[in-house]
């Protein structure tokens, strides 16, 4: 599993368990990379249409259809 897949899996599992999206800090701790790395990977996932960021929300990551698998 590559890092983008690991991040998507972490987000899916987190949302399934808690009902809301994780913070970038929580993702970093969950997949053992720096927050700056999480930010970079989330940007790539956004470009791929797998996540989007909701404006003006602290926990603003939303999985799109492409990221639900």
C-alpha atoms as a PDB file:
ATOM      1  CA  UNK A   1       0.000   0.000   0.000  1.00  0.00           C
ATOM      2  CA  UNK A   2       1.416   3.385  -0.958  1.00  0.00           C
ATOM      3  CA  UNK A   3       1.118   6.489   1.209  1.00  0.00           C
ATOM      4  CA  UNK A   4      -1.868   7.965  -0.654  1.00  0.00           C
ATOM      5  CA  UNK A   5      -3.766   4.697  -0.164  1.00  0.00           C
ATOM      6  CA  UNK A   6      -2.729   4.608   3.505  1.00  0.00           C
ATOM      7  CA  UNK A   7      -4.025   8.144   4.034  1.00  0.00           C
ATOM      8  CA  UNK A   8      -7.324   7.391   2.301  1.00  0.00           C
ATOM      9  CA  UNK A   9      -7.742   4.233   4.389  1.00  0.00           C
ATOM     10  CA  UNK A  10      -6.979   6.175   7.563  1.00  0.00           C
ATOM     11  CA  UNK A  11      -9.577   8.823   6.675  1.00  0.00           C
ATOM     12  CA  UNK A  12     -12.219   6.202   5.763  1.00  0.00           C
ATOM     13  CA  UNK A  13     -11.634   4.247   8.977  1.00  0.00           C
ATOM     14  CA  UNK A  14     -11.601   7.397  11.110  1.00  0.00           C
ATOM     15  CA  UNK A  15     -14.867   8.714   9.636  1.00  0.00           C
ATOM     16  CA  UNK A  16     -16.498   5.279   9.995  1.00  0.00           C
ATOM     17  CA  UNK A  17     -15.504   5.149  13.671  1.00  0.00           C
ATOM     18  CA  UNK A  18     -16.043   8.762  14.763  1.00  0.00           C
ATOM     19  CA  UNK A  19     -18.480  10.222  12.247  1.00  0.00           C
ATOM     20  CA  UNK A  20     -16.291  13.193  11.298  1.00  0.00           C
ATOM     21  CA  UNK A  21     -13.028  13.706   9.446  1.00  0.00           C
ATOM     22  CA  UNK A  22      -9.618  13.640  11.120  1.00  0.00           C
ATOM     23  CA  UNK A  23      -7.377  16.666  11.411  1.00  0.00           C
ATOM     24  CA  UNK A  24      -4.170  16.724   9.393  1.00  0.00           C
ATOM     25  CA  UNK A  25      -2.258  16.248  12.664  1.00  0.00           C
ATOM     26  CA  UNK A  26      -4.266  13.096  13.437  1.00  0.00           C
ATOM     27  CA  UNK A  27      -3.617  11.743   9.936  1.00  0.00           C
ATOM     28  CA  UNK A  28       0.107  12.430  10.359  1.00  0.00           C
ATOM     29  CA  UNK A  29       0.173  10.541  13.653  1.00  0.00           C
ATOM     30  CA  UNK A  30      -1.912   7.707  12.185  1.00  0.00           C
ATOM     31  CA  UNK A  31       0.299   7.064   9.162  1.00  0.00           C
ATOM     32  CA  UNK A  32       3.623   8.105  10.725  1.00  0.00           C
ATOM     33  CA  UNK A  33       4.595  11.026   8.506  1.00  0.00           C
ATOM     34  CA  UNK A  34       5.049  14.767   9.054  1.00  0.00           C
ATOM     35  CA  UNK A  35       2.058  17.096   8.793  1.00  0.00           C
ATOM     36  CA  UNK A  36       3.726  18.760   5.792  1.00  0.00           C
ATOM     37  CA  UNK A  37       3.718  15.364   4.058  1.00  0.00           C
ATOM     38  CA  UNK A  38       0.032  14.899   4.853  1.00  0.00           C
ATOM     39  CA  UNK A  39      -0.703  18.310   3.354  1.00  0.00           C
ATOM     40  CA  UNK A  40       1.181  17.382   0.166  1.00  0.00           C
ATOM     41  CA  UNK A  41      -0.561  14.010  -0.192  1.00  0.00           C
ATOM     42  CA  UNK A  42      -3.990  15.518   0.489  1.00  0.00           C
ATOM     43  CA  UNK A  43      -3.366  18.058  -2.255  1.00  0.00           C
ATOM     44  CA  UNK A  44      -2.539  15.210  -4.677  1.00  0.00           C
ATOM     45  CA  UNK A  45      -5.670  13.331  -3.582  1.00  0.00           C
ATOM     46  CA  UNK A  46      -7.690  16.480  -4.184  1.00  0.00           C
ATOM     47  CA  UNK A  47      -6.264  16.787  -7.707  1.00  0.00           C
ATOM     48  CA  UNK A  48      -7.198  13.120  -8.303  1.00  0.00           C
ATOM     49  CA  UNK A  49     -10.784  13.828  -7.225  1.00  0.00           C
ATOM     50  CA  UNK A  50     -10.649  11.591  -4.146  1.00  0.00           C
ATOM     51  CA  UNK A  51     -11.024  14.232  -1.427  1.00  0.00           C
ATOM     52  CA  UNK A  52     -12.154  17.816  -1.188  1.00  0.00           C
ATOM     53  CA  UNK A  53     -11.748  20.511   1.427  1.00  0.00           C
ATOM     54  CA  UNK A  54     -14.820  22.245   2.769  1.00  0.00           C
ATOM     55  CA  UNK A  55     -14.362  25.981   3.383  1.00  0.00           C
ATOM     56  CA  UNK A  56     -14.269  27.410   6.893  1.00  0.00           C
ATOM     57  CA  UNK A  57     -14.259  24.135   8.788  1.00  0.00           C
ATOM     58  CA  UNK A  58     -11.587  22.824  11.117  1.00  0.00           C
ATOM     59  CA  UNK A  59     -12.089  19.181  10.153  1.00  0.00           C
ATOM     60  CA  UNK A  60     -12.740  19.950   6.524  1.00  0.00           C
ATOM     61  CA  UNK A  61     -11.690  16.828   4.590  1.00  0.00           C
ATOM     62  CA  UNK A  62     -14.479  15.101   2.711  1.00  0.00           C
ATOM     63  CA  UNK A  63     -14.079  11.847   0.795  1.00  0.00           C
ATOM     64  CA  UNK A  64     -15.459  11.898  -2.734  1.00  0.00           C
ATOM     65  CA  UNK A  65     -16.657   8.861  -4.716  1.00  0.00           C
ATOM     66  CA  UNK A  66     -13.123   8.149  -5.963  1.00  0.00           C
ATOM     67  CA  UNK A  67     -11.819   7.976  -2.397  1.00  0.00           C
ATOM     68  CA  UNK A  68     -14.553   5.741  -1.015  1.00  0.00           C
ATOM     69  CA  UNK A  69     -13.067   2.453  -2.276  1.00  0.00           C
END
